[in-house]
Amino acid sequence: VPLGDFFCNGWCRRKNVRSVPIAVNPAG
């Protein structure tokens, strides 16, 4: 899987995610 898509970020722009299995936090 492309890196961003695996972490629920498919558009090459960071969007924070607050889920149980995937978390994306500032600033990447």
mmCIF file of all heavy atoms, coordinates in Angstrom:
data_MODEL
# 
_entry.id   MODEL 
# 
loop_
_atom_site.group_PDB 
_atom_site.id 
_atom_site.type_symbol 
_atom_site.label_atom_id 
_atom_site.label_alt_id 
_atom_site.label_comp_id 
_atom_site.label_asym_id 
_atom_site.label_entity_id 
_atom_site.label_seq_id 
_atom_site.pdbx_PDB_ins_code 
_atom_site.Cartn_x 
_atom_site.Cartn_y 
_atom_site.Cartn_z 
_atom_site.occupancy 
_atom_site.B_iso_or_equiv 
_atom_site.pdbx_formal_charge 
_atom_site.auth_seq_id 
_atom_site.auth_comp_id 
_atom_site.auth_asym_id 
_atom_site.auth_atom_id 
_atom_site.pdbx_PDB_model_num 
ATOM 1   N N   . VAL A 1 1  ? 0.855   -1.190 0.000  1.00 0.00 ? 1  VAL A N   1 
ATOM 2   C CA  . VAL A 1 1  ? 0.000   0.000  0.000  1.00 0.00 ? 1  VAL A CA  1 
ATOM 3   C C   . VAL A 1 1  ? 0.892   1.243  0.000  1.00 0.00 ? 1  VAL A C   1 
ATOM 4   O O   . VAL A 1 1  ? 1.905   1.279  0.707  1.00 0.00 ? 1  VAL A O   1 
ATOM 5   C CB  . VAL A 1 1  ? -0.909  0.035  1.258  1.00 0.00 ? 1  VAL A CB  1 
ATOM 6   C CG1 . VAL A 1 1  ? -1.831  1.254  1.218  1.00 0.00 ? 1  VAL A CG1 1 
ATOM 7   C CG2 . VAL A 1 1  ? -1.735  -1.245 1.367  1.00 0.00 ? 1  VAL A CG2 1 
ATOM 8   N N   . PRO A 1 2  ? 0.550   2.287  -0.762 1.00 0.00 ? 2  PRO A N   1 
ATOM 9   C CA  . PRO A 1 2  ? 1.264   3.556  -0.616 1.00 0.00 ? 2  PRO A CA  1 
ATOM 10  C C   . PRO A 1 2  ? 1.212   4.043  0.823  1.00 0.00 ? 2  PRO A C   1 
ATOM 11  O O   . PRO A 1 2  ? 0.205   3.865  1.518  1.00 0.00 ? 2  PRO A O   1 
ATOM 12  C CB  . PRO A 1 2  ? 0.506   4.502  -1.556 1.00 0.00 ? 2  PRO A CB  1 
ATOM 13  C CG  . PRO A 1 2  ? -0.113  3.599  -2.575 1.00 0.00 ? 2  PRO A CG  1 
ATOM 14  C CD  . PRO A 1 2  ? -0.479  2.350  -1.831 1.00 0.00 ? 2  PRO A CD  1 
ATOM 15  N N   . LEU A 1 3  ? 2.290   4.659  1.260  1.00 0.00 ? 3  LEU A N   1 
ATOM 16  C CA  . LEU A 1 3  ? 2.447   5.006  2.673  1.00 0.00 ? 3  LEU A CA  1 
ATOM 17  C C   . LEU A 1 3  ? 1.278   5.826  3.213  1.00 0.00 ? 3  LEU A C   1 
ATOM 18  O O   . LEU A 1 3  ? 0.685   5.504  4.242  1.00 0.00 ? 3  LEU A O   1 
ATOM 19  C CB  . LEU A 1 3  ? 3.755   5.777  2.860  1.00 0.00 ? 3  LEU A CB  1 
ATOM 20  C CG  . LEU A 1 3  ? 4.101   6.109  4.307  1.00 0.00 ? 3  LEU A CG  1 
ATOM 21  C CD1 . LEU A 1 3  ? 4.543   4.864  5.055  1.00 0.00 ? 3  LEU A CD1 1 
ATOM 22  C CD2 . LEU A 1 3  ? 5.194   7.182  4.356  1.00 0.00 ? 3  LEU A CD2 1 
ATOM 23  N N   . GLY A 1 4  ? 0.930   6.915  2.533  1.00 0.00 ? 4  GLY A N   1 
ATOM 24  C CA  . GLY A 1 4  ? -0.136  7.778  3.040  1.00 0.00 ? 4  GLY A CA  1 
ATOM 25  C C   . GLY A 1 4  ? -1.467  7.068  3.111  1.00 0.00 ? 4  GLY A C   1 
ATOM 26  O O   . GLY A 1 4  ? -2.208  7.207  4.095  1.00 0.00 ? 4  GLY A O   1 
ATOM 27  N N   . ASP A 1 5  ? -1.804  6.302  2.089  1.00 0.00 ? 5  ASP A N   1 
ATOM 28  C CA  . ASP A 1 5  ? -3.085  5.598  2.069  1.00 0.00 ? 5  ASP A CA  1 
ATOM 29  C C   . ASP A 1 5  ? -3.177  4.587  3.204  1.00 0.00 ? 5  ASP A C   1 
ATOM 30  O O   . ASP A 1 5  ? -4.238  4.432  3.811  1.00 0.00 ? 5  ASP A O   1 
ATOM 31  C CB  . ASP A 1 5  ? -3.276  4.905  0.719  1.00 0.00 ? 5  ASP A CB  1 
ATOM 32  C CG  . ASP A 1 5  ? -3.380  5.890  -0.428 1.00 0.00 ? 5  ASP A CG  1 
ATOM 33  O OD1 . ASP A 1 5  ? -2.324  6.315  -0.921 1.00 0.00 ? 5  ASP A OD1 1 
ATOM 34  O OD2 . ASP A 1 5  ? -4.504  6.247  -0.814 1.00 0.00 ? 5  ASP A OD2 1 
ATOM 35  N N   . PHE A 1 6  ? -2.079  3.883  3.493  1.00 0.00 ? 6  PHE A N   1 
ATOM 36  C CA  . PHE A 1 6  ? -2.112  2.919  4.598  1.00 0.00 ? 6  PHE A CA  1 
ATOM 37  C C   . PHE A 1 6  ? -2.508  3.606  5.901  1.00 0.00 ? 6  PHE A C   1 
ATOM 38  O O   . PHE A 1 6  ? -3.224  3.033  6.722  1.00 0.00 ? 6  PHE A O   1 
ATOM 39  C CB  . PHE A 1 6  ? -0.744  2.252  4.751  1.00 0.00 ? 6  PHE A CB  1 
ATOM 40  C CG  . PHE A 1 6  ? -0.712  1.194  5.826  1.00 0.00 ? 6  PHE A CG  1 
ATOM 41  C CD1 . PHE A 1 6  ? -1.115  -0.102 5.551  1.00 0.00 ? 6  PHE A CD1 1 
ATOM 42  C CD2 . PHE A 1 6  ? -0.279  1.497  7.110  1.00 0.00 ? 6  PHE A CD2 1 
ATOM 43  C CE1 . PHE A 1 6  ? -1.099  -1.081 6.541  1.00 0.00 ? 6  PHE A CE1 1 
ATOM 44  C CE2 . PHE A 1 6  ? -0.261  0.533  8.099  1.00 0.00 ? 6  PHE A CE2 1 
ATOM 45  C CZ  . PHE A 1 6  ? -0.677  -0.761 7.815  1.00 0.00 ? 6  PHE A CZ  1 
ATOM 46  N N   . PHE A 1 7  ? -2.051  4.854  6.074  1.00 0.00 ? 7  PHE A N   1 
ATOM 47  C CA  . PHE A 1 7  ? -2.350  5.608  7.287  1.00 0.00 ? 7  PHE A CA  1 
ATOM 48  C C   . PHE A 1 7  ? -3.520  6.578  7.087  1.00 0.00 ? 7  PHE A C   1 
ATOM 49  O O   . PHE A 1 7  ? -3.587  7.632  7.718  1.00 0.00 ? 7  PHE A O   1 
ATOM 50  C CB  . PHE A 1 7  ? -1.105  6.354  7.758  1.00 0.00 ? 7  PHE A CB  1 
ATOM 51  C CG  . PHE A 1 7  ? -0.004  5.439  8.251  1.00 0.00 ? 7  PHE A CG  1 
ATOM 52  C CD1 . PHE A 1 7  ? 1.037   5.064  7.412  1.00 0.00 ? 7  PHE A CD1 1 
ATOM 53  C CD2 . PHE A 1 7  ? -0.025  4.944  9.540  1.00 0.00 ? 7  PHE A CD2 1 
ATOM 54  C CE1 . PHE A 1 7  ? 2.050   4.223  7.859  1.00 0.00 ? 7  PHE A CE1 1 
ATOM 55  C CE2 . PHE A 1 7  ? 0.980   4.097  9.994  1.00 0.00 ? 7  PHE A CE2 1 
ATOM 56  C CZ  . PHE A 1 7  ? 2.018   3.741  9.155  1.00 0.00 ? 7  PHE A CZ  1 
ATOM 57  N N   . CYS A 1 8  ? -4.441  6.208  6.192  1.00 0.00 ? 8  CYS A N   1 
ATOM 58  C CA  . CYS A 1 8  ? -5.694  6.971  6.001  1.00 0.00 ? 8  CYS A CA  1 
ATOM 59  C C   . CYS A 1 8  ? -5.445  8.408  5.570  1.00 0.00 ? 8  CYS A C   1 
ATOM 60  O O   . CYS A 1 8  ? -6.182  9.322  5.962  1.00 0.00 ? 8  CYS A O   1 
ATOM 61  C CB  . CYS A 1 8  ? -6.546  6.943  7.277  1.00 0.00 ? 8  CYS A CB  1 
ATOM 62  S SG  . CYS A 1 8  ? -7.063  5.290  7.777  1.00 0.00 ? 8  CYS A SG  1 
ATOM 63  N N   . ASN A 1 9  ? -4.433  8.610  4.733  1.00 0.00 ? 9  ASN A N   1 
ATOM 64  C CA  . ASN A 1 9  ? -4.147  9.915  4.153  1.00 0.00 ? 9  ASN A CA  1 
ATOM 65  C C   . ASN A 1 9  ? -3.786  9.712  2.692  1.00 0.00 ? 9  ASN A C   1 
ATOM 66  O O   . ASN A 1 9  ? -2.612  9.496  2.351  1.00 0.00 ? 9  ASN A O   1 
ATOM 67  C CB  . ASN A 1 9  ? -3.000  10.603 4.889  1.00 0.00 ? 9  ASN A CB  1 
ATOM 68  C CG  . ASN A 1 9  ? -3.465  11.429 6.065  1.00 0.00 ? 9  ASN A CG  1 
ATOM 69  O OD1 . ASN A 1 9  ? -3.511  12.664 6.029  1.00 0.00 ? 9  ASN A OD1 1 
ATOM 70  N ND2 . ASN A 1 9  ? -3.826  10.747 7.141  1.00 0.00 ? 9  ASN A ND2 1 
ATOM 71  N N   . GLY A 1 10 ? -4.793  9.790  1.807  1.00 0.00 ? 10 GLY A N   1 
ATOM 72  C CA  . GLY A 1 10 ? -4.576  9.426  0.422  1.00 0.00 ? 10 GLY A CA  1 
ATOM 73  C C   . GLY A 1 10 ? -4.256  10.561 -0.524 1.00 0.00 ? 10 GLY A C   1 
ATOM 74  O O   . GLY A 1 10 ? -4.017  10.300 -1.703 1.00 0.00 ? 10 GLY A O   1 
ATOM 75  N N   . TRP A 1 11 ? -4.250  11.808 -0.046 1.00 0.00 ? 11 TRP A N   1 
ATOM 76  C CA  . TRP A 1 11 ? -4.125  12.923 -0.976 1.00 0.00 ? 11 TRP A CA  1 
ATOM 77  C C   . TRP A 1 11 ? -2.832  13.720 -0.813 1.00 0.00 ? 11 TRP A C   1 
ATOM 78  O O   . TRP A 1 11 ? -2.729  14.842 -1.283 1.00 0.00 ? 11 TRP A O   1 
ATOM 79  C CB  . TRP A 1 11 ? -5.323  13.857 -0.835 1.00 0.00 ? 11 TRP A CB  1 
ATOM 80  C CG  . TRP A 1 11 ? -6.610  13.230 -1.286 1.00 0.00 ? 11 TRP A CG  1 
ATOM 81  C CD1 . TRP A 1 11 ? -7.690  12.913 -0.532 1.00 0.00 ? 11 TRP A CD1 1 
ATOM 82  C CD2 . TRP A 1 11 ? -6.934  12.821 -2.622 1.00 0.00 ? 11 TRP A CD2 1 
ATOM 83  N NE1 . TRP A 1 11 ? -8.679  12.340 -1.299 1.00 0.00 ? 11 TRP A NE1 1 
ATOM 84  C CE2 . TRP A 1 11 ? -8.244  12.274 -2.592 1.00 0.00 ? 11 TRP A CE2 1 
ATOM 85  C CE3 . TRP A 1 11 ? -6.249  12.863 -3.847 1.00 0.00 ? 11 TRP A CE3 1 
ATOM 86  C CZ2 . TRP A 1 11 ? -8.876  11.774 -3.727 1.00 0.00 ? 11 TRP A CZ2 1 
ATOM 87  C CZ3 . TRP A 1 11 ? -6.877  12.361 -4.971 1.00 0.00 ? 11 TRP A CZ3 1 
ATOM 88  C CH2 . TRP A 1 11 ? -8.178  11.831 -4.897 1.00 0.00 ? 11 TRP A CH2 1 
ATOM 89  N N   . CYS A 1 12 ? -1.834  13.147 -0.127 1.00 0.00 ? 12 CYS A N   1 
ATOM 90  C CA  . CYS A 1 12 ? -0.526  13.794 0.056  1.00 0.00 ? 12 CYS A CA  1 
ATOM 91  C C   . CYS A 1 12 ? -0.649  15.132 0.772  1.00 0.00 ? 12 CYS A C   1 
ATOM 92  O O   . CYS A 1 12 ? 0.182   16.026 0.569  1.00 0.00 ? 12 CYS A O   1 
ATOM 93  C CB  . CYS A 1 12 ? 0.206   13.955 -1.282 1.00 0.00 ? 12 CYS A CB  1 
ATOM 94  S SG  . CYS A 1 12 ? 0.611   12.378 -2.059 1.00 0.00 ? 12 CYS A SG  1 
ATOM 95  N N   . ARG A 1 13 ? -1.688  15.252 1.569  1.00 0.00 ? 13 ARG A N   1 
ATOM 96  C CA  . ARG A 1 13 ? -1.856  16.395 2.477  1.00 0.00 ? 13 ARG A CA  1 
ATOM 97  C C   . ARG A 1 13 ? -2.294  15.821 3.824  1.00 0.00 ? 13 ARG A C   1 
ATOM 98  O O   . ARG A 1 13 ? -3.254  15.066 3.877  1.00 0.00 ? 13 ARG A O   1 
ATOM 99  C CB  . ARG A 1 13 ? -2.917  17.376 1.979  1.00 0.00 ? 13 ARG A CB  1 
ATOM 100 C CG  . ARG A 1 13 ? -2.557  18.089 0.696  1.00 0.00 ? 13 ARG A CG  1 
ATOM 101 C CD  . ARG A 1 13 ? -3.626  19.131 0.365  1.00 0.00 ? 13 ARG A CD  1 
ATOM 102 N NE  . ARG A 1 13 ? -3.352  19.810 -0.893 1.00 0.00 ? 13 ARG A NE  1 
ATOM 103 C CZ  . ARG A 1 13 ? -4.108  20.786 -1.375 1.00 0.00 ? 13 ARG A CZ  1 
ATOM 104 N NH1 . ARG A 1 13 ? -5.193  21.188 -0.712 1.00 0.00 ? 13 ARG A NH1 1 
ATOM 105 N NH2 . ARG A 1 13 ? -3.806  21.362 -2.528 1.00 0.00 ? 13 ARG A NH2 1 
ATOM 106 N N   . ARG A 1 14 ? -1.600  16.171 4.872  1.00 0.00 ? 14 ARG A N   1 
ATOM 107 C CA  . ARG A 1 14 ? -1.889  15.553 6.159  1.00 0.00 ? 14 ARG A CA  1 
ATOM 108 C C   . ARG A 1 14 ? -3.257  15.945 6.698  1.00 0.00 ? 14 ARG A C   1 
ATOM 109 O O   . ARG A 1 14 ? -3.611  17.119 6.743  1.00 0.00 ? 14 ARG A O   1 
ATOM 110 C CB  . ARG A 1 14 ? -0.828  15.931 7.202  1.00 0.00 ? 14 ARG A CB  1 
ATOM 111 C CG  . ARG A 1 14 ? -1.142  15.383 8.601  1.00 0.00 ? 14 ARG A CG  1 
ATOM 112 C CD  . ARG A 1 14 ? -0.068  15.759 9.598  1.00 0.00 ? 14 ARG A CD  1 
ATOM 113 N NE  . ARG A 1 14 ? 0.123   17.198 9.684  1.00 0.00 ? 14 ARG A NE  1 
ATOM 114 C CZ  . ARG A 1 14 ? -0.592  18.013 10.472 1.00 0.00 ? 14 ARG A CZ  1 
ATOM 115 N NH1 . ARG A 1 14 ? -1.572  17.509 11.221 1.00 0.00 ? 14 ARG A NH1 1 
ATOM 116 N NH2 . ARG A 1 14 ? -0.336  19.301 10.502 1.00 0.00 ? 14 ARG A NH2 1 
ATOM 117 N N   . LYS A 1 15 ? -4.007  14.918 7.098  1.00 0.00 ? 15 LYS A N   1 
ATOM 118 C CA  . LYS A 1 15 ? -5.235  15.085 7.854  1.00 0.00 ? 15 LYS A CA  1 
ATOM 119 C C   . LYS A 1 15 ? -5.101  14.214 9.105  1.00 0.00 ? 15 LYS A C   1 
ATOM 120 O O   . LYS A 1 15 ? -4.816  13.022 9.021  1.00 0.00 ? 15 LYS A O   1 
ATOM 121 C CB  . LYS A 1 15 ? -6.460  14.657 7.051  1.00 0.00 ? 15 LYS A CB  1 
ATOM 122 C CG  . LYS A 1 15 ? -6.683  15.445 5.777  1.00 0.00 ? 15 LYS A CG  1 
ATOM 123 C CD  . LYS A 1 15 ? -7.081  16.879 6.046  1.00 0.00 ? 15 LYS A CD  1 
ATOM 124 C CE  . LYS A 1 15 ? -8.456  17.000 6.633  1.00 0.00 ? 15 LYS A CE  1 
ATOM 125 N NZ  . LYS A 1 15 ? -8.917  18.424 6.731  1.00 0.00 ? 15 LYS A NZ  1 
ATOM 126 N N   . ASN A 1 16 ? -5.281  14.795 10.278 1.00 0.00 ? 16 ASN A N   1 
ATOM 127 C CA  . ASN A 1 16 ? -5.130  14.040 11.510 1.00 0.00 ? 16 ASN A CA  1 
ATOM 128 C C   . ASN A 1 16 ? -6.213  12.972 11.631 1.00 0.00 ? 16 ASN A C   1 
ATOM 129 O O   . ASN A 1 16 ? -7.353  13.166 11.208 1.00 0.00 ? 16 ASN A O   1 
ATOM 130 C CB  . ASN A 1 16 ? -5.175  14.972 12.722 1.00 0.00 ? 16 ASN A CB  1 
ATOM 131 C CG  . ASN A 1 16 ? -3.971  15.885 12.804 1.00 0.00 ? 16 ASN A CG  1 
ATOM 132 O OD1 . ASN A 1 16 ? -2.935  15.612 12.193 1.00 0.00 ? 16 ASN A OD1 1 
ATOM 133 N ND2 . ASN A 1 16 ? -4.080  16.972 13.538 1.00 0.00 ? 16 ASN A ND2 1 
ATOM 134 N N   . VAL A 1 17 ? -5.847  11.843 12.200 1.00 0.00 ? 17 VAL A N   1 
ATOM 135 C CA  . VAL A 1 17 ? -6.752  10.710 12.386 1.00 0.00 ? 17 VAL A CA  1 
ATOM 136 C C   . VAL A 1 17 ? -6.674  10.274 13.844 1.00 0.00 ? 17 VAL A C   1 
ATOM 137 O O   . VAL A 1 17 ? -5.573  10.140 14.397 1.00 0.00 ? 17 VAL A O   1 
ATOM 138 C CB  . VAL A 1 17 ? -6.368  9.528  11.458 1.00 0.00 ? 17 VAL A CB  1 
ATOM 139 C CG1 . VAL A 1 17 ? -7.262  8.321  11.710 1.00 0.00 ? 17 VAL A CG1 1 
ATOM 140 C CG2 . VAL A 1 17 ? -6.440  9.957  10.004 1.00 0.00 ? 17 VAL A CG2 1 
ATOM 141 N N   . ARG A 1 18 ? -7.835  10.026 14.446 1.00 0.00 ? 18 ARG A N   1 
ATOM 142 C CA  . ARG A 1 18 ? -7.893  9.673  15.868 1.00 0.00 ? 18 ARG A CA  1 
ATOM 143 C C   . ARG A 1 18 ? -8.655  8.357  16.057 1.00 0.00 ? 18 ARG A C   1 
ATOM 144 O O   . ARG A 1 18 ? -9.614  8.293  16.814 1.00 0.00 ? 18 ARG A O   1 
ATOM 145 C CB  . ARG A 1 18 ? -8.564  10.797 16.667 1.00 0.00 ? 18 ARG A CB  1 
ATOM 146 C CG  . ARG A 1 18 ? -7.871  12.154 16.537 1.00 0.00 ? 18 ARG A CG  1 
ATOM 147 C CD  . ARG A 1 18 ? -8.647  13.259 17.219 1.00 0.00 ? 18 ARG A CD  1 
ATOM 148 N NE  . ARG A 1 18 ? -8.024  14.556 17.057 1.00 0.00 ? 18 ARG A NE  1 
ATOM 149 C CZ  . ARG A 1 18 ? -8.219  15.364 16.026 1.00 0.00 ? 18 ARG A CZ  1 
ATOM 150 N NH1 . ARG A 1 18 ? -9.050  14.984 15.053 1.00 0.00 ? 18 ARG A NH1 1 
ATOM 151 N NH2 . ARG A 1 18 ? -7.612  16.524 15.940 1.00 0.00 ? 18 ARG A NH2 1 
ATOM 152 N N   . SER A 1 19 ? -8.240  7.331  15.359 1.00 0.00 ? 19 SER A N   1 
ATOM 153 C CA  . SER A 1 19 ? -8.923  6.042  15.457 1.00 0.00 ? 19 SER A CA  1 
ATOM 154 C C   . SER A 1 19 ? -8.127  5.088  16.349 1.00 0.00 ? 19 SER A C   1 
ATOM 155 O O   . SER A 1 19 ? -6.993  5.377  16.739 1.00 0.00 ? 19 SER A O   1 
ATOM 156 C CB  . SER A 1 19 ? -9.125  5.436  14.073 1.00 0.00 ? 19 SER A CB  1 
ATOM 157 O OG  . SER A 1 19 ? -7.928  4.870  13.590 1.00 0.00 ? 19 SER A OG  1 
ATOM 158 N N   . VAL A 1 20 ? -8.730  3.926  16.641 1.00 0.00 ? 20 VAL A N   1 
ATOM 159 C CA  . VAL A 1 20 ? -8.042  2.930  17.466 1.00 0.00 ? 20 VAL A CA  1 
ATOM 160 C C   . VAL A 1 20 ? -6.819  2.348  16.747 1.00 0.00 ? 20 VAL A C   1 
ATOM 161 O O   . VAL A 1 20 ? -5.718  2.358  17.294 1.00 0.00 ? 20 VAL A O   1 
ATOM 162 C CB  . VAL A 1 20 ? -9.017  1.808  17.889 1.00 0.00 ? 20 VAL A CB  1 
ATOM 163 C CG1 . VAL A 1 20 ? -8.273  0.647  18.515 1.00 0.00 ? 20 VAL A CG1 1 
ATOM 164 C CG2 . VAL A 1 20 ? -10.051 2.349  18.867 1.00 0.00 ? 20 VAL A CG2 1 
ATOM 165 N N   . PRO A 1 21 ? -6.947  1.848  15.504 1.00 0.00 ? 21 PRO A N   1 
ATOM 166 C CA  . PRO A 1 21 ? -5.774  1.210  14.894 1.00 0.00 ? 21 PRO A CA  1 
ATOM 167 C C   . PRO A 1 21 ? -4.841  2.162  14.151 1.00 0.00 ? 21 PRO A C   1 
ATOM 168 O O   . PRO A 1 21 ? -3.668  1.838  13.954 1.00 0.00 ? 21 PRO A O   1 
ATOM 169 C CB  . PRO A 1 21 ? -6.393  0.210  13.921 1.00 0.00 ? 21 PRO A CB  1 
ATOM 170 C CG  . PRO A 1 21 ? -7.678  0.835  13.521 1.00 0.00 ? 21 PRO A CG  1 
ATOM 171 C CD  . PRO A 1 21 ? -8.171  1.591  14.719 1.00 0.00 ? 21 PRO A CD  1 
ATOM 172 N N   . ILE A 1 22 ? -5.334  3.321  13.696 1.00 0.00 ? 22 ILE A N   1 
ATOM 173 C CA  . ILE A 1 22 ? -4.526  4.279  12.945 1.00 0.00 ? 22 ILE A CA  1 
ATOM 174 C C   . ILE A 1 22 ? -4.635  5.643  13.609 1.00 0.00 ? 22 ILE A C   1 
ATOM 175 O O   . ILE A 1 22 ? -5.737  6.124  13.856 1.00 0.00 ? 22 ILE A O   1 
ATOM 176 C CB  . ILE A 1 22 ? -4.974  4.384  11.478 1.00 0.00 ? 22 ILE A CB  1 
ATOM 177 C CG1 . ILE A 1 22 ? -4.859  3.041  10.751 1.00 0.00 ? 22 ILE A CG1 1 
ATOM 178 C CG2 . ILE A 1 22 ? -4.175  5.474  10.754 1.00 0.00 ? 22 ILE A CG2 1 
ATOM 179 C CD1 . ILE A 1 22 ? -3.445  2.560  10.525 1.00 0.00 ? 22 ILE A CD1 1 
ATOM 180 N N   . ALA A 1 23 ? -3.480  6.259  13.879 1.00 0.00 ? 23 ALA A N   1 
ATOM 181 C CA  . ALA A 1 23 ? -3.456  7.616  14.417 1.00 0.00 ? 23 ALA A CA  1 
ATOM 182 C C   . ALA A 1 23 ? -2.455  8.432  13.606 1.00 0.00 ? 23 ALA A C   1 
ATOM 183 O O   . ALA A 1 23 ? -1.317  7.999  13.403 1.00 0.00 ? 23 ALA A O   1 
ATOM 184 C CB  . ALA A 1 23 ? -3.064  7.619  15.894 1.00 0.00 ? 23 ALA A CB  1 
ATOM 185 N N   . VAL A 1 24 ? -2.894  9.586  13.138 1.00 0.00 ? 24 VAL A N   1 
ATOM 186 C CA  . VAL A 1 24 ? -2.017  10.522 12.442 1.00 0.00 ? 24 VAL A CA  1 
ATOM 187 C C   . VAL A 1 24 ? -2.059  11.823 13.226 1.00 0.00 ? 24 VAL A C   1 
ATOM 188 O O   . VAL A 1 24 ? -3.129  12.402 13.438 1.00 0.00 ? 24 VAL A O   1 
ATOM 189 C CB  . VAL A 1 24 ? -2.459  10.741 10.981 1.00 0.00 ? 24 VAL A CB  1 
ATOM 190 C CG1 . VAL A 1 24 ? -1.556  11.765 10.297 1.00 0.00 ? 24 VAL A CG1 1 
ATOM 191 C CG2 . VAL A 1 24 ? -2.438  9.419  10.221 1.00 0.00 ? 24 VAL A CG2 1 
ATOM 192 N N   . ASN A 1 25 ? -0.884  12.254 13.669 1.00 0.00 ? 25 ASN A N   1 
ATOM 193 C CA  . ASN A 1 25 ? -0.786  13.367 14.601 1.00 0.00 ? 25 ASN A CA  1 
ATOM 194 C C   . ASN A 1 25 ? 0.114   14.457 14.033 1.00 0.00 ? 25 ASN A C   1 
ATOM 195 O O   . ASN A 1 25 ? 0.952   14.192 13.159 1.00 0.00 ? 25 ASN A O   1 
ATOM 196 C CB  . ASN A 1 25 ? -0.221  12.875 15.941 1.00 0.00 ? 25 ASN A CB  1 
ATOM 197 C CG  . ASN A 1 25 ? -1.047  11.741 16.531 1.00 0.00 ? 25 ASN A CG  1 
ATOM 198 O OD1 . ASN A 1 25 ? -2.267  11.788 16.525 1.00 0.00 ? 25 ASN A OD1 1 
ATOM 199 N ND2 . ASN A 1 25 ? -0.384  10.710 17.036 1.00 0.00 ? 25 ASN A ND2 1 
ATOM 200 N N   . PRO A 1 26 ? -0.040  15.705 14.537 1.00 0.00 ? 26 PRO A N   1 
ATOM 201 C CA  . PRO A 1 26 ? 0.827   16.793 14.068 1.00 0.00 ? 26 PRO A CA  1 
ATOM 202 C C   . PRO A 1 26 ? 2.304   16.447 14.285 1.00 0.00 ? 26 PRO A C   1 
ATOM 203 O O   . PRO A 1 26 ? 2.672   15.899 15.316 1.00 0.00 ? 26 PRO A O   1 
ATOM 204 C CB  . PRO A 1 26 ? 0.409   17.970 14.954 1.00 0.00 ? 26 PRO A CB  1 
ATOM 205 C CG  . PRO A 1 26 ? -0.981  17.632 15.407 1.00 0.00 ? 26 PRO A CG  1 
ATOM 206 C CD  . PRO A 1 26 ? -0.997  16.144 15.552 1.00 0.00 ? 26 PRO A CD  1 
ATOM 207 N N   . ALA A 1 27 ? 3.153   16.767 13.320 1.00 0.00 ? 27 ALA A N   1 
ATOM 208 C CA  . ALA A 1 27 ? 2.780   17.288 12.011 1.00 0.00 ? 27 ALA A CA  1 
ATOM 209 C C   . ALA A 1 27 ? 3.159   16.263 10.958 1.00 0.00 ? 27 ALA A C   1 
ATOM 210 O O   . ALA A 1 27 ? 3.955   16.515 10.074 1.00 0.00 ? 27 ALA A O   1 
ATOM 211 C CB  . ALA A 1 27 ? 3.489   18.607 11.754 1.00 0.00 ? 27 ALA A CB  1 
ATOM 212 N N   . GLY A 1 28 ? 2.589   15.054 11.107 1.00 0.00 ? 28 GLY A N   1 
ATOM 213 C CA  . GLY A 1 28 ? 2.861   13.987 10.158 1.00 0.00 ? 28 GLY A CA  1 
ATOM 214 C C   . GLY A 1 28 ? 3.329   12.698 10.797 1.00 0.00 ? 28 GLY A C   1 
ATOM 215 O O   . GLY A 1 28 ? 3.951   11.868 10.129 1.00 0.00 ? 28 GLY A O   1 
# 
